[in-house]
Amino acid sequence: MNSIQKEREAFQKFCEENFDFENHEQTYFDEQTQCYENDIGEDTESINMAWAAWQAAKTKAVPEGFVLVRASDRDREVCELIDQRDNMERLADQLKDKLQDLYKVDFGEYTSCNCPLKNAIKYDDSNLVLVPREPTEEMLGAAWEAPPAGGPSGNRCVFYEKQAVVYKAMVEEAEKEMTEAQEQKG
């Protein structure tokens, strides 16, 4: 069965379901003239006009999987998508800048081969620990208990080493407090 026969059958079914088609019981479709005719003199002009309109509508129909939109709507939607993309790029740039400031790392600029935001996401921050601006009592206690770095007093290198030991003890205590807090929540 070819497509014109399928369309004709669909048209006839539509007509039978929606109109008084009983008046056209003796009407048939003439393949040669491609029109509806009958041999008893009934009027076929209205059904042929409906068939022509049906075919015209089908030729302008939207293919399956597509949707018909006004060009002005399409242009507006494209502009909105471009604006959304531009806004997301601005936000990504702001996030990249904040992460660069936080980590004190340069993730580079956007190029065809580099995505700074992706670099920031992939950045290994496992060596960073969040510590309070003011040490807690426990952190100060850990610093007090830290073994001294030793060496003669007044020696700058020794002083810096001692401070590093003290700070490391404070950070370790902060890590311990964070782990304990997370365990209590979990």
C-alpha atoms as a PDB file:
ATOM      1  CA  MET A   1       0.000   0.000   0.000  1.00  0.00           C
ATOM      2  CA  ASN A   2       1.530   3.311  -1.024  1.00  0.00           C
ATOM      3  CA  SER A   3       1.488   6.500   1.031  1.00  0.00           C
ATOM      4  CA  ILE A   4      -1.352   8.137  -0.969  1.00  0.00           C
ATOM      5  CA  GLN A   5      -3.576   5.116  -0.288  1.00  0.00           C
ATOM      6  CA  LYS A   6      -2.750   5.303   3.425  1.00  0.00           C
ATOM      7  CA  GLU A   7      -3.553   9.008   3.459  1.00  0.00           C
ATOM      8  CA  ARG A   8      -6.808   8.435   1.592  1.00  0.00           C
ATOM      9  CA  GLU A   9      -7.841   5.765   4.090  1.00  0.00           C
ATOM     10  CA  ALA A  10      -6.973   8.055   6.994  1.00  0.00           C
ATOM     11  CA  PHE A  11      -8.971  10.857   5.347  1.00  0.00           C
ATOM     12  CA  GLN A  12     -12.004   8.627   4.790  1.00  0.00           C
ATOM     13  CA  LYS A  13     -11.866   7.359   8.361  1.00  0.00           C
ATOM     14  CA  PHE A  14     -11.670  10.942   9.623  1.00  0.00           C
ATOM     15  CA  CYS A  15     -14.663  11.909   7.474  1.00  0.00           C
ATOM     16  CA  GLU A  16     -16.710   8.902   8.631  1.00  0.00           C
ATOM     17  CA  GLU A  17     -15.975   9.722  12.292  1.00  0.00           C
ATOM     18  CA  ASN A  18     -16.592  13.458  12.049  1.00  0.00           C
ATOM     19  CA  PHE A  19     -19.117  14.090   9.279  1.00  0.00           C
ATOM     20  CA  ASP A  20     -22.337  12.668   7.829  1.00  0.00           C
ATOM     21  CA  PHE A  21     -20.622  10.375   5.335  1.00  0.00           C
ATOM     22  CA  GLU A  22     -23.741   8.283   4.677  1.00  0.00           C
ATOM     23  CA  ASN A  23     -24.637  10.567   1.735  1.00  0.00           C
ATOM     24  CA  HIS A  24     -21.479   9.351   0.048  1.00  0.00           C
ATOM     25  CA  GLU A  25     -22.033   5.602   0.336  1.00  0.00           C
ATOM     26  CA  GLN A  26     -21.741   5.164  -3.446  1.00  0.00           C
ATOM     27  CA  THR A  27     -18.700   7.456  -3.661  1.00  0.00           C
ATOM     28  CA  TYR A  28     -15.354   5.974  -4.534  1.00  0.00           C
ATOM     29  CA  PHE A  29     -11.857   7.246  -5.189  1.00  0.00           C
ATOM     30  CA  ASP A  30     -10.851   7.184  -8.862  1.00  0.00           C
ATOM     31  CA  GLU A  31      -7.126   6.407  -9.052  1.00  0.00           C
ATOM     32  CA  GLN A  32      -6.879   7.815 -12.562  1.00  0.00           C
ATOM     33  CA  THR A  33      -8.383  11.236 -11.794  1.00  0.00           C
ATOM     34  CA  GLN A  34      -7.230  11.218  -8.168  1.00  0.00           C
ATOM     35  CA  CYS A  35     -10.685  12.471  -7.168  1.00  0.00           C
ATOM     36  CA  TYR A  36     -13.771  11.131  -5.445  1.00  0.00           C
ATOM     37  CA  GLU A  37     -16.571  10.245  -7.869  1.00  0.00           C
ATOM     38  CA  ASN A  38     -19.811   8.262  -7.973  1.00  0.00           C
ATOM     39  CA  ASP A  39     -21.976   6.779 -10.683  1.00  0.00           C
ATOM     40  CA  ILE A  40     -25.352   7.903  -9.288  1.00  0.00           C
ATOM     41  CA  GLY A  41     -24.962  11.643  -9.705  1.00  0.00           C
ATOM     42  CA  GLU A  42     -24.325  12.620  -6.077  1.00  0.00           C
ATOM     43  CA  ASP A  43     -22.417  15.841  -5.463  1.00  0.00           C
ATOM     44  CA  THR A  44     -18.721  15.073  -4.866  1.00  0.00           C
ATOM     45  CA  GLU A  45     -17.408  18.660  -4.960  1.00  0.00           C
ATOM     46  CA  SER A  46     -17.379  19.105  -1.151  1.00  0.00           C
ATOM     47  CA  ILE A  47     -15.581  15.829  -0.490  1.00  0.00           C
ATOM     48  CA  ASN A  48     -13.010  16.586  -3.230  1.00  0.00           C
ATOM     49  CA  MET A  49     -12.411  20.040  -1.734  1.00  0.00           C
ATOM     50  CA  ALA A  50     -11.940  18.423   1.697  1.00  0.00           C
ATOM     51  CA  TRP A  51      -9.550  15.873   0.169  1.00  0.00           C
ATOM     52  CA  ALA A  52      -7.524  18.659  -1.501  1.00  0.00           C
ATOM     53  CA  ALA A  53      -7.351  20.559   1.818  1.00  0.00           C
ATOM     54  CA  TRP A  54      -6.297  17.356   3.614  1.00  0.00           C
ATOM     55  CA  GLN A  55      -3.475  16.790   1.139  1.00  0.00           C
ATOM     56  CA  ALA A  56      -2.351  20.429   1.318  1.00  0.00           C
ATOM     57  CA  ALA A  57      -2.280  20.280   5.109  1.00  0.00           C
ATOM     58  CA  LYS A  58      -0.312  17.032   5.068  1.00  0.00           C
ATOM     59  CA  THR A  59       2.331  18.436   2.708  1.00  0.00           C
ATOM     60  CA  LYS A  60       2.882  21.320   5.116  1.00  0.00           C
ATOM     61  CA  ALA A  61       2.750  19.116   8.205  1.00  0.00           C
ATOM     62  CA  VAL A  62       5.672  19.026  10.598  1.00  0.00           C
ATOM     63  CA  PRO A  63       7.734  15.830  10.381  1.00  0.00           C
ATOM     64  CA  GLU A  64       7.725  13.514  13.376  1.00  0.00           C
ATOM     65  CA  GLY A  65      10.252  14.554  15.992  1.00  0.00           C
ATOM     66  CA  PHE A  66      10.091  18.249  15.061  1.00  0.00           C
ATOM     67  CA  VAL A  67       8.063  21.169  16.350  1.00  0.00           C
ATOM     68  CA  LEU A  68       6.975  24.254  14.464  1.00  0.00           C
ATOM     69  CA  VAL A  69       7.866  27.616  16.045  1.00  0.00           C
ATOM     70  CA  ARG A  70       7.692  31.175  14.799  1.00  0.00           C
ATOM     71  CA  ALA A  71      11.026  32.499  13.612  1.00  0.00           C
ATOM     72  CA  SER A  72      10.766  35.375  16.105  1.00  0.00           C
ATOM     73  CA  ASP A  73      10.254  32.874  18.972  1.00  0.00           C
ATOM     74  CA  ARG A  74      13.206  30.815  17.763  1.00  0.00           C
ATOM     75  CA  ASP A  75      15.433  33.889  17.539  1.00  0.00           C
ATOM     76  CA  ARG A  76      14.378  34.988  21.030  1.00  0.00           C
ATOM     77  CA  GLU A  77      15.083  31.510  22.441  1.00  0.00           C
ATOM     78  CA  VAL A  78      18.501  31.393  20.752  1.00  0.00           C
ATOM     79  CA  CYS A  79      19.349  34.819  22.220  1.00  0.00           C
ATOM     80  CA  GLU A  80      18.199  33.645  25.660  1.00  0.00           C
ATOM     81  CA  LEU A  81      20.407  30.546  25.385  1.00  0.00           C
ATOM     82  CA  ILE A  82      23.397  32.678  24.371  1.00  0.00           C
ATOM     83  CA  ASP A  83      22.749  35.010  27.328  1.00  0.00           C
ATOM     84  CA  GLN A  84      22.516  32.033  29.689  1.00  0.00           C
ATOM     85  CA  ARG A  85      25.768  30.624  28.318  1.00  0.00           C
ATOM     86  CA  ASP A  86      27.507  33.995  28.705  1.00  0.00           C
ATOM     87  CA  ASN A  87      26.198  34.339  32.262  1.00  0.00           C
ATOM     88  CA  MET A  88      27.430  30.838  33.135  1.00  0.00           C
ATOM     89  CA  GLU A  89      30.856  31.713  31.704  1.00  0.00           C
ATOM     90  CA  ARG A  90      30.975  34.852  33.882  1.00  0.00           C
ATOM     91  CA  LEU A  91      30.022  32.805  36.952  1.00  0.00           C
ATOM     92  CA  ALA A  92      32.626  30.156  36.089  1.00  0.00           C
ATOM     93  CA  ASP A  93      35.259  32.904  35.768  1.00  0.00           C
ATOM     94  CA  GLN A  94      34.283  34.347  39.155  1.00  0.00           C
ATOM     95  CA  LEU A  95      34.447  30.903  40.745  1.00  0.00           C
ATOM     96  CA  LYS A  96      37.837  30.238  39.128  1.00  0.00           C
ATOM     97  CA  ASP A  97      39.171  33.568  40.468  1.00  0.00           C
ATOM     98  CA  LYS A  98      37.921  32.818  43.984  1.00  0.00           C
ATOM     99  CA  LEU A  99      39.448  29.322  43.907  1.00  0.00           C
ATOM    100  CA  GLN A 100      42.754  30.760  42.654  1.00  0.00           C
ATOM    101  CA  ASP A 101      42.721  33.212  45.566  1.00  0.00           C
ATOM    102  CA  LEU A 102      41.807  30.482  48.045  1.00  0.00           C
ATOM    103  CA  TYR A 103      44.391  27.951  46.886  1.00  0.00           C
ATOM    104  CA  LYS A 104      47.010  30.535  45.874  1.00  0.00           C
ATOM    105  CA  VAL A 105      47.320  28.696  42.551  1.00  0.00           C
ATOM    106  CA  ASP A 106      47.053  29.976  38.976  1.00  0.00           C
ATOM    107  CA  PHE A 107      44.724  27.702  37.006  1.00  0.00           C
ATOM    108  CA  GLY A 108      45.462  29.559  33.766  1.00  0.00           C
ATOM    109  CA  GLU A 109      43.247  31.327  31.277  1.00  0.00           C
ATOM    110  CA  TYR A 110      40.563  29.880  29.023  1.00  0.00           C
ATOM    111  CA  THR A 111      41.949  28.611  25.732  1.00  0.00           C
ATOM    112  CA  SER A 112      40.954  25.883  23.317  1.00  0.00           C
ATOM    113  CA  CYS A 113      43.253  23.540  25.301  1.00  0.00           C
ATOM    114  CA  ASN A 114      42.742  24.814  28.855  1.00  0.00           C
ATOM    115  CA  CYS A 115      39.716  25.076  31.096  1.00  0.00           C
ATOM    116  CA  PRO A 116      40.708  26.804  34.356  1.00  0.00           C
ATOM    117  CA  LEU A 117      37.513  25.794  36.130  1.00  0.00           C
ATOM    118  CA  LYS A 118      38.133  22.130  35.256  1.00  0.00           C
ATOM    119  CA  ASN A 119      41.710  22.570  36.540  1.00  0.00           C
ATOM    120  CA  ALA A 120      40.329  23.992  39.789  1.00  0.00           C
ATOM    121  CA  ILE A 121      37.915  21.089  40.180  1.00  0.00           C
ATOM    122  CA  LYS A 122      40.725  18.600  39.587  1.00  0.00           C
ATOM    123  CA  TYR A 123      43.101  20.431  41.947  1.00  0.00           C
ATOM    124  CA  ASP A 124      44.303  18.173  44.760  1.00  0.00           C
ATOM    125  CA  ASP A 125      43.576  20.084  47.947  1.00  0.00           C
ATOM    126  CA  SER A 126      44.186  17.118  50.250  1.00  0.00           C
ATOM    127  CA  ASN A 127      47.168  18.898  51.801  1.00  0.00           C
ATOM    128  CA  LEU A 128      44.993  21.835  52.883  1.00  0.00           C
ATOM    129  CA  VAL A 129      43.305  22.012  56.270  1.00  0.00           C
ATOM    130  CA  LEU A 130      40.678  24.504  57.303  1.00  0.00           C
ATOM    131  CA  VAL A 131      41.699  26.104  60.599  1.00  0.00           C
ATOM    132  CA  PRO A 132      39.948  28.797  62.609  1.00  0.00           C
ATOM    133  CA  ARG A 133      41.340  32.313  62.550  1.00  0.00           C
ATOM    134  CA  GLU A 134      41.733  32.199  66.307  1.00  0.00           C
ATOM    135  CA  PRO A 135      43.171  29.035  67.830  1.00  0.00           C
ATOM    136  CA  THR A 136      40.927  27.038  70.150  1.00  0.00           C
ATOM    137  CA  GLU A 137      41.940  26.179  73.697  1.00  0.00           C
ATOM    138  CA  GLU A 138      42.714  22.663  72.526  1.00  0.00           C
ATOM    139  CA  MET A 139      44.963  23.961  69.750  1.00  0.00           C
ATOM    140  CA  LEU A 140      46.822  26.215  72.170  1.00  0.00           C
ATOM    141  CA  GLY A 141      47.204  23.255  74.538  1.00  0.00           C
ATOM    142  CA  ALA A 142      48.635  21.163  71.717  1.00  0.00           C
ATOM    143  CA  ALA A 143      51.095  23.966  70.915  1.00  0.00           C
ATOM    144  CA  TRP A 144      52.128  24.150  74.604  1.00  0.00           C
ATOM    145  CA  GLU A 145      52.718  20.422  74.679  1.00  0.00           C
ATOM    146  CA  ALA A 146      54.663  20.335  71.405  1.00  0.00           C
ATOM    147  CA  PRO A 147      58.281  19.334  71.892  1.00  0.00           C
ATOM    148  CA  PRO A 148      60.634  22.290  71.427  1.00  0.00           C
ATOM    149  CA  ALA A 149      62.673  22.380  68.253  1.00  0.00           C
ATOM    150  CA  GLY A 150      65.815  22.875  70.317  1.00  0.00           C
ATOM    151  CA  GLY A 151      68.942  24.811  69.501  1.00  0.00           C
ATOM    152  CA  PRO A 152      70.393  28.007  70.891  1.00  0.00           C
ATOM    153  CA  SER A 153      67.925  30.815  71.523  1.00  0.00           C
ATOM    154  CA  GLY A 154      68.169  33.805  69.246  1.00  0.00           C
ATOM    155  CA  ASN A 155      68.832  31.626  66.227  1.00  0.00           C
ATOM    156  CA  ARG A 156      66.274  32.616  63.575  1.00  0.00           C
ATOM    157  CA  CYS A 157      66.310  29.230  61.810  1.00  0.00           C
ATOM    158  CA  VAL A 158      65.669  27.453  65.079  1.00  0.00           C
ATOM    159  CA  PHE A 159      62.904  29.890  65.973  1.00  0.00           C
ATOM    160  CA  TYR A 160      61.169  29.291  62.614  1.00  0.00           C
ATOM    161  CA  GLU A 161      61.552  25.552  63.013  1.00  0.00           C
ATOM    162  CA  LYS A 162      59.999  25.751  66.479  1.00  0.00           C
ATOM    163  CA  GLN A 163      57.129  27.836  65.161  1.00  0.00           C
ATOM    164  CA  ALA A 164      56.582  25.307  62.374  1.00  0.00           C
ATOM    165  CA  VAL A 165      56.407  22.520  64.943  1.00  0.00           C
ATOM    166  CA  VAL A 166      53.967  24.551  67.037  1.00  0.00           C
ATOM    167  CA  TYR A 167      51.808  25.412  64.060  1.00  0.00           C
ATOM    168  CA  LYS A 168      51.839  21.792  62.856  1.00  0.00           C
ATOM    169  CA  ALA A 169      50.676  20.677  66.303  1.00  0.00           C
ATOM    170  CA  MET A 170      47.876  23.245  66.196  1.00  0.00           C
ATOM    171  CA  VAL A 171      46.776  22.121  62.716  1.00  0.00           C
ATOM    172  CA  GLU A 172      46.872  18.474  63.758  1.00  0.00           C
ATOM    173  CA  GLU A 173      44.630  19.300  66.689  1.00  0.00           C
ATOM    174  CA  ALA A 174      42.252  21.186  64.354  1.00  0.00           C
ATOM    175  CA  GLU A 175      42.136  18.159  62.049  1.00  0.00           C
ATOM    176  CA  LYS A 176      41.409  15.912  65.030  1.00  0.00           C
ATOM    177  CA  GLU A 177      38.575  18.234  66.151  1.00  0.00           C
ATOM    178  CA  MET A 178      37.080  18.296  62.641  1.00  0.00           C
ATOM    179  CA  THR A 179      37.219  14.500  62.382  1.00  0.00           C
ATOM    180  CA  GLU A 180      35.537  14.115  65.781  1.00  0.00           C
ATOM    181  CA  ALA A 181      32.832  16.633  64.824  1.00  0.00           C
ATOM    182  CA  GLN A 182      32.174  14.810  61.535  1.00  0.00           C
ATOM    183  CA  GLU A 183      31.976  11.459  63.303  1.00  0.00           C
ATOM    184  CA  GLN A 184      29.428  12.872  65.767  1.00  0.00           C
ATOM    185  CA  LYS A 185      27.284  14.154  62.867  1.00  0.00           C
ATOM    186  CA  GLY A 186      27.551  10.929  60.872  1.00  0.00           C
END
